[in-house]
Amino acid sequence: MLAKIIKGCRKRRRESQKELYEKFYAYGMSITLRYADSREQGVEILNDAFMKVFENIKSYDQSRPFKPWLRRIIINTAINHYHKYKKGAVHDSFELHENSIGQKEAITCSLSYQEIIEMVQQLSPAYRTVFNLYVIEGFSHREIANMLDIAEGTSKSNLSKAKKNLQEIVKKNLSYNRKQNG
């Protein structure tokens, strides 16, 4: 089935492109939402990624799995989006105070996927991008530095700050939920 859709995409058939888009929309959104400020921005990144897929589908090696190839294009498109919009936010003033949650204190809660995405979206673009590339995608700081055109130390610093900010966001979220349910 997928091979037939890809064959149609290689022939630039709109109905095949639509099928591929619909088949992998949810998968793509699950990736882009981790990098985007909002759902709208996630859709924009995903649409740009699919344009690249359709332009480069002939270079896809059908003897290999499709999803990793698509994932790489989506991640690269998200990184390109970051580069495109980071100019206005090079120096990020989004610094939270030092984390007041003790190192040994554990917070156990069940957060929905949507809640986690919303929390990650609250991070600055620089912190969010490094966090996703390192924690979710498994890239090294050296690889991230090369992708984002930053120093390796900046990648490490941004990851550390992203984690601290996320802890603060989770703490605020839990505090708010306790007050609502209290």
N, C-alpha and C. Protein backbone atom coordinates (compact mmCIF):
# COMPACT_ATOMS: atom_id res chain seq x y z
N MET A 1 0.82 -1.20 0.00
CA MET A 1 0.00 0.00 0.00
C MET A 1 0.87 1.27 0.00
N LEU A 2 1.83 1.33 0.96
CA LEU A 2 2.70 2.51 1.03
C LEU A 2 3.53 2.63 -0.24
N ALA A 3 4.02 1.51 -0.75
CA ALA A 3 4.83 1.53 -1.97
C ALA A 3 4.03 2.12 -3.13
N LYS A 4 2.75 1.80 -3.19
CA LYS A 4 1.88 2.33 -4.25
C LYS A 4 1.70 3.85 -4.10
N ILE A 5 1.53 4.29 -2.86
CA ILE A 5 1.37 5.73 -2.59
C ILE A 5 2.65 6.47 -2.98
N ILE A 6 3.79 5.92 -2.59
CA ILE A 6 5.08 6.56 -2.90
C ILE A 6 5.30 6.60 -4.42
N LYS A 7 4.94 5.52 -5.08
CA LYS A 7 5.06 5.49 -6.54
C LYS A 7 4.23 6.62 -7.16
N GLY A 8 3.01 6.81 -6.65
CA GLY A 8 2.16 7.90 -7.13
C GLY A 8 2.76 9.26 -6.83
N CYS A 9 3.37 9.40 -5.65
CA CYS A 9 4.01 10.67 -5.28
C CYS A 9 5.19 10.96 -6.21
N ARG A 10 5.92 9.93 -6.59
CA ARG A 10 7.04 10.11 -7.50
C ARG A 10 6.58 10.60 -8.87
N LYS A 11 5.34 10.27 -9.20
CA LYS A 11 4.75 10.73 -10.46
C LYS A 11 3.98 12.04 -10.26
N ARG A 12 4.13 12.61 -9.07
CA ARG A 12 3.51 13.89 -8.70
C ARG A 12 1.98 13.87 -8.79
N ARG A 13 1.40 12.73 -8.46
CA ARG A 13 -0.06 12.61 -8.44
C ARG A 13 -0.60 13.21 -7.14
N ARG A 14 -1.47 14.19 -7.28
CA ARG A 14 -2.04 14.89 -6.12
C ARG A 14 -2.74 13.94 -5.15
N GLU A 15 -3.49 12.97 -5.69
CA GLU A 15 -4.23 12.06 -4.81
C GLU A 15 -3.27 11.20 -3.98
N SER A 16 -2.14 10.83 -4.54
CA SER A 16 -1.13 10.07 -3.78
C SER A 16 -0.48 10.95 -2.72
N GLN A 17 -0.19 12.19 -3.09
CA GLN A 17 0.38 13.12 -2.12
C GLN A 17 -0.59 13.34 -0.95
N LYS A 18 -1.85 13.49 -1.28
CA LYS A 18 -2.87 13.67 -0.24
C LYS A 18 -2.94 12.44 0.67
N GLU A 19 -2.89 11.25 0.09
CA GLU A 19 -2.92 10.01 0.87
C GLU A 19 -1.72 9.93 1.81
N LEU A 20 -0.54 10.24 1.30
CA LEU A 20 0.67 10.19 2.12
C LEU A 20 0.57 11.19 3.27
N TYR A 21 0.12 12.39 2.95
CA TYR A 21 -0.04 13.45 3.95
C TYR A 21 -1.00 12.99 5.05
N GLU A 22 -2.14 12.48 4.65
CA GLU A 22 -3.15 12.05 5.62
C GLU A 22 -2.67 10.85 6.44
N LYS A 23 -1.95 9.97 5.81
CA LYS A 23 -1.45 8.76 6.50
C LYS A 23 -0.43 9.11 7.59
N PHE A 24 0.38 10.13 7.34
CA PHE A 24 1.46 10.46 8.27
C PHE A 24 1.28 11.81 8.98
N TYR A 25 0.11 12.41 8.85
CA TYR A 25 -0.15 13.71 9.48
C TYR A 25 0.03 13.63 11.00
N ALA A 26 -0.65 12.69 11.64
CA ALA A 26 -0.58 12.60 13.11
C ALA A 26 0.84 12.31 13.58
N TYR A 27 1.52 11.44 12.87
CA TYR A 27 2.92 11.12 13.21
C TYR A 27 3.78 12.39 13.10
N GLY A 28 3.62 13.10 12.01
CA GLY A 28 4.39 14.33 11.80
C GLY A 28 4.09 15.39 12.85
N MET A 29 2.82 15.53 13.17
CA MET A 29 2.44 16.54 14.18
C MET A 29 3.02 16.18 15.55
N SER A 30 3.10 14.89 15.85
CA SER A 30 3.67 14.50 17.15
C SER A 30 5.13 14.93 17.26
N ILE A 31 5.79 15.07 16.14
CA ILE A 31 7.18 15.54 16.12
C ILE A 31 7.22 17.07 16.14
N THR A 32 6.48 17.70 15.23
CA THR A 32 6.59 19.16 15.10
C THR A 32 6.09 19.90 16.34
N LEU A 33 5.12 19.37 17.03
CA LEU A 33 4.60 20.06 18.21
C LEU A 33 5.65 20.19 19.30
N ARG A 34 6.60 19.30 19.31
CA ARG A 34 7.67 19.40 20.31
C ARG A 34 8.62 20.56 20.01
N TYR A 35 8.67 21.00 18.77
CA TYR A 35 9.57 22.08 18.36
C TYR A 35 8.86 23.41 18.21
N ALA A 36 7.55 23.39 18.07
CA ALA A 36 6.79 24.59 17.73
C ALA A 36 6.33 25.35 18.97
N ASP A 37 6.06 26.65 18.76
CA ASP A 37 5.49 27.49 19.82
C ASP A 37 4.01 27.21 20.01
N SER A 38 3.36 26.76 18.95
CA SER A 38 1.91 26.57 18.97
C SER A 38 1.53 25.48 17.97
N ARG A 39 0.28 25.08 18.02
CA ARG A 39 -0.22 24.09 17.06
C ARG A 39 -0.14 24.65 15.64
N GLU A 40 -0.46 25.93 15.48
CA GLU A 40 -0.42 26.56 14.16
C GLU A 40 0.99 26.51 13.58
N GLN A 41 1.97 26.80 14.42
CA GLN A 41 3.35 26.75 13.97
C GLN A 41 3.76 25.31 13.66
N GLY A 42 3.27 24.37 14.44
CA GLY A 42 3.53 22.95 14.17
C GLY A 42 2.99 22.53 12.81
N VAL A 43 1.79 22.99 12.48
CA VAL A 43 1.20 22.69 11.17
C VAL A 43 2.04 23.32 10.06
N GLU A 44 2.51 24.54 10.29
CA GLU A 44 3.34 25.22 9.30
C GLU A 44 4.64 24.43 9.04
N ILE A 45 5.28 23.98 10.10
CA ILE A 45 6.50 23.20 9.97
C ILE A 45 6.21 21.89 9.24
N LEU A 46 5.11 21.24 9.61
CA LEU A 46 4.77 19.97 8.98
C LEU A 46 4.46 20.15 7.50
N ASN A 47 3.73 21.20 7.16
CA ASN A 47 3.44 21.46 5.75
C ASN A 47 4.71 21.71 4.95
N ASP A 48 5.63 22.48 5.54
CA ASP A 48 6.92 22.72 4.88
C ASP A 48 7.68 21.40 4.70
N ALA A 49 7.61 20.55 5.72
CA ALA A 49 8.30 19.25 5.65
C ALA A 49 7.71 18.39 4.54
N PHE A 50 6.40 18.37 4.43
CA PHE A 50 5.78 17.56 3.38
C PHE A 50 6.10 18.11 1.99
N MET A 51 6.24 19.40 1.87
CA MET A 51 6.66 19.96 0.58
C MET A 51 8.05 19.42 0.21
N LYS A 52 8.93 19.34 1.20
CA LYS A 52 10.27 18.80 0.97
C LYS A 52 10.20 17.31 0.63
N VAL A 53 9.30 16.60 1.31
CA VAL A 53 9.12 15.17 1.02
C VAL A 53 8.71 15.00 -0.44
N PHE A 54 7.72 15.78 -0.87
CA PHE A 54 7.23 15.64 -2.23
C PHE A 54 8.28 16.05 -3.27
N GLU A 55 9.09 17.04 -2.93
CA GLU A 55 10.15 17.48 -3.84
C GLU A 55 11.29 16.45 -3.93
N ASN A 56 11.50 15.71 -2.83
CA ASN A 56 12.66 14.80 -2.77
C ASN A 56 12.28 13.32 -2.72
N ILE A 57 11.05 13.00 -2.97
CA ILE A 57 10.58 11.61 -2.86
C ILE A 57 11.36 10.66 -3.77
N LYS A 58 11.87 11.18 -4.87
CA LYS A 58 12.64 10.32 -5.78
C LYS A 58 13.96 9.86 -5.16
N SER A 59 14.46 10.61 -4.19
CA SER A 59 15.72 10.23 -3.54
C SER A 59 15.49 9.22 -2.41
N TYR A 60 14.23 8.96 -2.05
CA TYR A 60 13.93 7.99 -1.00
C TYR A 60 14.23 6.57 -1.49
N ASP A 61 15.00 5.83 -0.73
CA ASP A 61 15.38 4.45 -1.05
C ASP A 61 14.30 3.53 -0.47
N GLN A 62 13.50 2.95 -1.35
CA GLN A 62 12.37 2.14 -0.91
C GLN A 62 12.78 0.83 -0.24
N SER A 63 14.05 0.48 -0.27
CA SER A 63 14.49 -0.71 0.44
C SER A 63 14.66 -0.43 1.94
N ARG A 64 14.54 0.83 2.31
CA ARG A 64 14.68 1.25 3.71
C ARG A 64 13.33 1.68 4.24
N PRO A 65 13.16 1.68 5.57
CA PRO A 65 11.87 2.11 6.15
C PRO A 65 11.59 3.58 5.84
N PHE A 66 10.33 3.90 5.62
CA PHE A 66 9.93 5.25 5.25
C PHE A 66 9.92 6.21 6.44
N LYS A 67 9.41 5.74 7.58
CA LYS A 67 9.24 6.64 8.73
C LYS A 67 10.54 7.34 9.17
N PRO A 68 11.66 6.63 9.29
CA PRO A 68 12.89 7.34 9.69
C PRO A 68 13.31 8.41 8.67
N TRP A 69 13.09 8.14 7.39
CA TRP A 69 13.41 9.12 6.36
C TRP A 69 12.51 10.34 6.52
N LEU A 70 11.23 10.12 6.72
CA LEU A 70 10.28 11.21 6.94
C LEU A 70 10.62 11.98 8.21
N ARG A 71 10.92 11.26 9.28
CA ARG A 71 11.25 11.88 10.57
C ARG A 71 12.44 12.83 10.42
N ARG A 72 13.44 12.38 9.69
CA ARG A 72 14.64 13.21 9.50
C ARG A 72 14.29 14.51 8.77
N ILE A 73 13.45 14.40 7.77
CA ILE A 73 13.04 15.60 7.03
C ILE A 73 12.25 16.54 7.95
N ILE A 74 11.37 15.99 8.75
CA ILE A 74 10.57 16.82 9.66
C ILE A 74 11.47 17.52 10.68
N ILE A 75 12.41 16.79 11.26
CA ILE A 75 13.32 17.39 12.24
C ILE A 75 14.18 18.46 11.59
N ASN A 76 14.71 18.18 10.42
CA ASN A 76 15.52 19.19 9.72
C ASN A 76 14.69 20.42 9.37
N THR A 77 13.44 20.23 9.01
CA THR A 77 12.57 21.36 8.71
C THR A 77 12.32 22.17 9.98
N ALA A 78 12.13 21.50 11.10
CA ALA A 78 11.94 22.21 12.38
C ALA A 78 13.20 23.00 12.74
N ILE A 79 14.36 22.43 12.47
CA ILE A 79 15.62 23.15 12.74
C ILE A 79 15.75 24.35 11.80
N ASN A 80 15.40 24.16 10.55
CA ASN A 80 15.41 25.29 9.60
C ASN A 80 14.47 26.39 10.07
N HIS A 81 13.33 26.00 10.57
CA HIS A 81 12.35 26.97 11.08
C HIS A 81 12.94 27.73 12.26
N TYR A 82 13.63 27.00 13.14
CA TYR A 82 14.30 27.61 14.28
C TYR A 82 15.31 28.66 13.80
N HIS A 83 16.14 28.30 12.81
CA HIS A 83 17.14 29.23 12.28
C HIS A 83 16.46 30.46 11.67
N LYS A 84 15.38 30.24 10.98
CA LYS A 84 14.68 31.32 10.30
C LYS A 84 14.13 32.35 11.29
N TYR A 85 13.65 31.88 12.44
CA TYR A 85 12.99 32.77 13.39
C TYR A 85 13.84 33.12 14.60
N LYS A 86 15.01 32.53 14.74
CA LYS A 86 15.81 32.81 15.93
C LYS A 86 16.44 34.19 15.91
N LYS A 87 16.56 34.79 14.74
CA LYS A 87 17.21 36.09 14.63
C LYS A 87 16.60 37.13 15.57
N GLY A 88 15.30 37.05 15.75
CA GLY A 88 14.62 38.01 16.63
C GLY A 88 14.74 37.67 18.09
N ALA A 89 15.20 36.45 18.37
CA ALA A 89 15.26 36.02 19.77
C ALA A 89 16.60 35.37 20.09
N VAL A 90 17.68 36.00 19.65
CA VAL A 90 18.99 35.42 19.87
C VAL A 90 19.32 35.38 21.35
N HIS A 91 19.13 36.51 22.02
CA HIS A 91 19.38 36.54 23.45
C HIS A 91 18.04 36.43 24.15
N ASP A 92 17.88 35.28 24.76
CA ASP A 92 16.60 34.96 25.36
C ASP A 92 16.58 35.44 26.80
N SER A 93 15.60 36.22 27.15
CA SER A 93 15.51 36.73 28.51
C SER A 93 14.60 35.85 29.36
N PHE A 94 14.18 34.72 28.83
CA PHE A 94 13.28 33.82 29.55
C PHE A 94 14.09 32.99 30.53
N GLU A 95 14.45 33.57 31.61
CA GLU A 95 15.20 32.89 32.65
C GLU A 95 14.31 32.79 33.88
N LEU A 96 14.13 31.59 34.36
CA LEU A 96 13.38 31.41 35.60
C LEU A 96 14.38 31.38 36.75
N HIS A 97 13.87 31.67 37.93
CA HIS A 97 14.74 31.63 39.10
C HIS A 97 15.23 30.22 39.34
N GLU A 98 16.31 30.12 40.06
CA GLU A 98 16.88 28.81 40.36
C GLU A 98 15.79 27.89 40.88
N ASN A 99 15.81 26.68 40.43
CA ASN A 99 14.78 25.71 40.78
C ASN A 99 14.73 25.52 42.29
N SER A 100 13.54 25.68 42.86
CA SER A 100 13.41 25.54 44.30
C SER A 100 12.97 24.15 44.71
N ILE A 101 12.77 23.27 43.74
CA ILE A 101 12.44 21.89 44.08
C ILE A 101 13.74 21.21 44.46
N GLY A 102 13.78 20.60 45.62
CA GLY A 102 14.98 19.93 46.08
C GLY A 102 15.38 18.81 45.15
N GLN A 103 16.68 18.55 45.07
CA GLN A 103 17.18 17.52 44.17
C GLN A 103 16.61 16.14 44.53
N LYS A 104 16.38 15.88 45.81
CA LYS A 104 15.92 14.57 46.22
C LYS A 104 14.40 14.47 46.22
N GLU A 105 13.73 15.57 46.09
CA GLU A 105 12.27 15.56 46.11
C GLU A 105 11.75 15.04 44.77
N ALA A 106 10.91 14.08 44.81
CA ALA A 106 10.37 13.50 43.59
C ALA A 106 8.92 13.93 43.42
N ILE A 107 8.57 14.23 42.20
CA ILE A 107 7.19 14.57 41.88
C ILE A 107 6.66 13.45 41.01
N THR A 108 5.62 12.82 41.49
CA THR A 108 5.00 11.76 40.71
C THR A 108 3.61 12.22 40.32
N CYS A 109 3.36 12.23 39.05
CA CYS A 109 2.05 12.63 38.58
C CYS A 109 1.83 12.02 37.21
N SER A 110 0.59 12.01 36.83
CA SER A 110 0.31 11.50 35.48
C SER A 110 -0.11 12.68 34.63
N LEU A 111 0.75 13.00 33.71
CA LEU A 111 0.48 14.10 32.79
C LEU A 111 0.10 13.51 31.44
N SER A 112 -0.85 14.12 30.80
CA SER A 112 -1.23 13.67 29.47
C SER A 112 -0.18 14.13 28.47
N TYR A 113 -0.17 13.49 27.33
CA TYR A 113 0.74 13.88 26.26
C TYR A 113 0.55 15.35 25.91
N GLN A 114 -0.70 15.77 25.81
CA GLN A 114 -1.02 17.15 25.46
C GLN A 114 -0.47 18.12 26.50
N GLU A 115 -0.58 17.78 27.79
CA GLU A 115 -0.05 18.64 28.85
C GLU A 115 1.47 18.76 28.75
N ILE A 116 2.12 17.65 28.46
CA ILE A 116 3.58 17.67 28.33
C ILE A 116 3.99 18.54 27.14
N ILE A 117 3.31 18.38 26.01
CA ILE A 117 3.61 19.20 24.83
C ILE A 117 3.42 20.67 25.15
N GLU A 118 2.32 21.01 25.83
CA GLU A 118 2.07 22.41 26.18
C GLU A 118 3.16 22.97 27.08
N MET A 119 3.68 22.14 27.98
CA MET A 119 4.76 22.59 28.85
C MET A 119 6.04 22.80 28.06
N VAL A 120 6.37 21.88 27.18
CA VAL A 120 7.57 22.02 26.35
C VAL A 120 7.45 23.25 25.46
N GLN A 121 6.25 23.54 24.97
CA GLN A 121 6.04 24.71 24.11
C GLN A 121 6.26 26.02 24.87
N GLN A 122 6.20 25.98 26.19
CA GLN A 122 6.44 27.19 26.98
C GLN A 122 7.93 27.55 27.05
N LEU A 123 8.78 26.61 26.72
CA LEU A 123 10.22 26.91 26.70
C LEU A 123 10.53 27.85 25.55
N SER A 124 11.60 28.60 25.70
CA SER A 124 12.04 29.46 24.60
C SER A 124 12.41 28.57 23.41
N PRO A 125 12.39 29.12 22.19
CA PRO A 125 12.74 28.29 21.02
C PRO A 125 14.12 27.64 21.14
N ALA A 126 15.10 28.36 21.66
CA ALA A 126 16.45 27.81 21.78
C ALA A 126 16.48 26.64 22.76
N TYR A 127 15.86 26.80 23.92
CA TYR A 127 15.85 25.74 24.92
C TYR A 127 15.04 24.55 24.43
N ARG A 128 13.89 24.83 23.85
CA ARG A 128 12.99 23.77 23.37
C ARG A 128 13.67 22.93 22.29
N THR A 129 14.36 23.58 21.37
CA THR A 129 15.00 22.87 20.27
C THR A 129 16.12 21.97 20.78
N VAL A 130 16.98 22.49 21.64
CA VAL A 130 18.06 21.67 22.19
C VAL A 130 17.48 20.53 23.03
N PHE A 131 16.49 20.82 23.85
CA PHE A 131 15.86 19.79 24.67
C PHE A 131 15.35 18.64 23.80
N ASN A 132 14.61 18.97 22.76
CA ASN A 132 14.05 17.93 21.88
C ASN A 132 15.14 17.14 21.17
N LEU A 133 16.12 17.85 20.63
CA LEU A 133 17.19 17.16 19.89
C LEU A 133 18.00 16.23 20.79
N TYR A 134 18.23 16.66 22.02
CA TYR A 134 19.05 15.85 22.93
C TYR A 134 18.23 14.75 23.62
N VAL A 135 17.14 15.16 24.27
CA VAL A 135 16.36 14.22 25.08
C VAL A 135 15.51 13.29 24.23
N ILE A 136 14.82 13.82 23.25
CA ILE A 136 13.87 13.02 22.47
C ILE A 136 14.56 12.33 21.29
N GLU A 137 15.35 13.09 20.53
CA GLU A 137 15.93 12.54 19.31
C GLU A 137 17.26 11.82 19.54
N GLY A 138 17.92 12.10 20.67
CA GLY A 138 19.13 11.37 21.01
C GLY A 138 20.42 11.87 20.37
N PHE A 139 20.42 13.12 19.89
CA PHE A 139 21.64 13.67 19.31
C PHE A 139 22.61 14.08 20.41
N SER A 140 23.89 14.07 20.10
CA SER A 140 24.91 14.52 21.05
C SER A 140 24.97 16.05 21.02
N HIS A 141 25.62 16.62 22.03
CA HIS A 141 25.76 18.08 22.05
C HIS A 141 26.59 18.57 20.87
N ARG A 142 27.57 17.79 20.46
CA ARG A 142 28.39 18.17 19.30
C ARG A 142 27.51 18.22 18.04
N GLU A 143 26.67 17.20 17.86
CA GLU A 143 25.78 17.17 16.69
C GLU A 143 24.79 18.34 16.72
N ILE A 144 24.25 18.61 17.90
CA ILE A 144 23.31 19.71 18.05
C ILE A 144 23.99 21.04 17.75
N ALA A 145 25.19 21.21 18.26
CA ALA A 145 25.94 22.44 18.00
C ALA A 145 26.13 22.65 16.50
N ASN A 146 26.46 21.59 15.79
CA ASN A 146 26.64 21.70 14.34
C ASN A 146 25.32 22.02 13.64
N MET A 147 24.24 21.38 14.05
CA MET A 147 22.94 21.61 13.41
C MET A 147 22.44 23.04 13.61
N LEU A 148 22.64 23.54 14.84
CA LEU A 148 22.08 24.85 15.18
C LEU A 148 23.08 25.99 15.03
N ASP A 149 24.30 25.66 14.66
CA ASP A 149 25.35 26.66 14.49
C ASP A 149 25.59 27.43 15.79
N ILE A 150 25.75 26.65 16.87
CA ILE A 150 26.05 27.21 18.19
C ILE A 150 27.24 26.45 18.76
N ALA A 151 27.79 26.97 19.84
CA ALA A 151 28.90 26.27 20.50
C ALA A 151 28.36 25.06 21.25
N GLU A 152 29.19 24.05 21.41
CA GLU A 152 28.80 22.85 22.15
C GLU A 152 28.42 23.21 23.59
N GLY A 153 29.16 24.14 24.18
CA GLY A 153 28.84 24.59 25.54
C GLY A 153 27.49 25.27 25.62
N THR A 154 27.11 25.97 24.55
CA THR A 154 25.79 26.62 24.51
C THR A 154 24.70 25.55 24.49
N SER A 155 24.94 24.48 23.76
CA SER A 155 23.98 23.38 23.72
C SER A 155 23.80 22.80 25.12
N LYS A 156 24.88 22.55 25.80
CA LYS A 156 24.82 22.00 27.16
C LYS A 156 24.12 22.96 28.11
N SER A 157 24.44 24.22 28.00
CA SER A 157 23.82 25.24 28.85
C SER A 157 22.32 25.34 28.58
N ASN A 158 21.96 25.35 27.29
CA ASN A 158 20.54 25.44 26.94
C ASN A 158 19.76 24.23 27.44
N LEU A 159 20.37 23.05 27.39
CA LEU A 159 19.71 21.85 27.90
C LEU A 159 19.50 21.95 29.40
N SER A 160 20.53 22.38 30.10
CA SER A 160 20.42 22.53 31.55
C SER A 160 19.32 23.53 31.93
N LYS A 161 19.31 24.66 31.24
CA LYS A 161 18.29 25.68 31.50
C LYS A 161 16.90 25.19 31.10
N ALA A 162 16.82 24.43 30.02
CA ALA A 162 15.52 23.88 29.60
C ALA A 162 14.97 22.96 30.67
N LYS A 163 15.82 22.11 31.22
CA LYS A 163 15.39 21.18 32.27
C LYS A 163 14.93 21.93 33.51
N LYS A 164 15.69 22.95 33.90
CA LYS A 164 15.31 23.74 35.07
C LYS A 164 13.98 24.46 34.83
N ASN A 165 13.84 25.04 33.65
CA ASN A 165 12.59 25.73 33.33
C ASN A 165 11.41 24.76 33.28
N LEU A 166 11.62 23.59 32.72
CA LEU A 166 10.54 22.59 32.69
C LEU A 166 10.15 22.17 34.10
N GLN A 167 11.13 22.00 34.97
CA GLN A 167 10.82 21.65 36.36
C GLN A 167 9.95 22.73 37.00
N GLU A 168 10.29 23.98 36.72
CA GLU A 168 9.52 25.10 37.28
C GLU A 168 8.10 25.12 36.68
N ILE A 169 8.00 24.85 35.40
CA ILE A 169 6.69 24.82 34.74
C ILE A 169 5.84 23.69 35.32
N VAL A 170 6.45 22.52 35.52
CA VAL A 170 5.71 21.38 36.10
C VAL A 170 5.27 21.73 37.52
N LYS A 171 6.17 22.33 38.26
CA LYS A 171 5.84 22.72 39.65
C LYS A 171 4.65 23.68 39.67
N LYS A 172 4.67 24.68 38.80
CA LYS A 172 3.57 25.64 38.74
C LYS A 172 2.27 24.95 38.31
N ASN A 173 2.38 24.04 37.37
CA ASN A 173 1.22 23.30 36.88
C ASN A 173 0.61 22.46 37.99
N LEU A 174 1.46 21.76 38.73
CA LEU A 174 0.98 20.93 39.84
C LEU A 174 0.35 21.78 40.93
N SER A 175 0.98 22.92 41.23
CA SER A 175 0.44 23.83 42.24
C SER A 175 -0.92 24.36 41.81
N TYR A 176 -1.05 24.72 40.56
CA TYR A 176 -2.33 25.20 40.02
C TYR A 176 -3.39 24.12 40.09
N ASN A 177 -3.02 22.89 39.71
CA ASN A 177 -3.98 21.78 39.75
C ASN A 177 -4.42 21.46 41.15
N ARG A 178 -3.50 21.54 42.12
CA ARG A 178 -3.87 21.29 43.52
C ARG A 178 -4.88 22.33 43.99
N LYS A 179 -4.68 23.60 43.61
CA LYS A 179 -5.60 24.66 44.01
C LYS A 179 -6.97 24.44 43.37
N GLN A 180 -6.99 24.01 42.12
CA GLN A 180 -8.25 23.77 41.41
C GLN A 180 -9.02 22.58 41.99
N ASN A 181 -8.27 21.56 42.40
CA ASN A 181 -8.90 20.34 42.92
C ASN A 181 -9.01 20.32 44.42
N GLY A 182 -8.43 21.33 45.06
CA GLY A 182 -8.27 21.40 46.49
C GLY A 182 -9.47 21.51 47.28
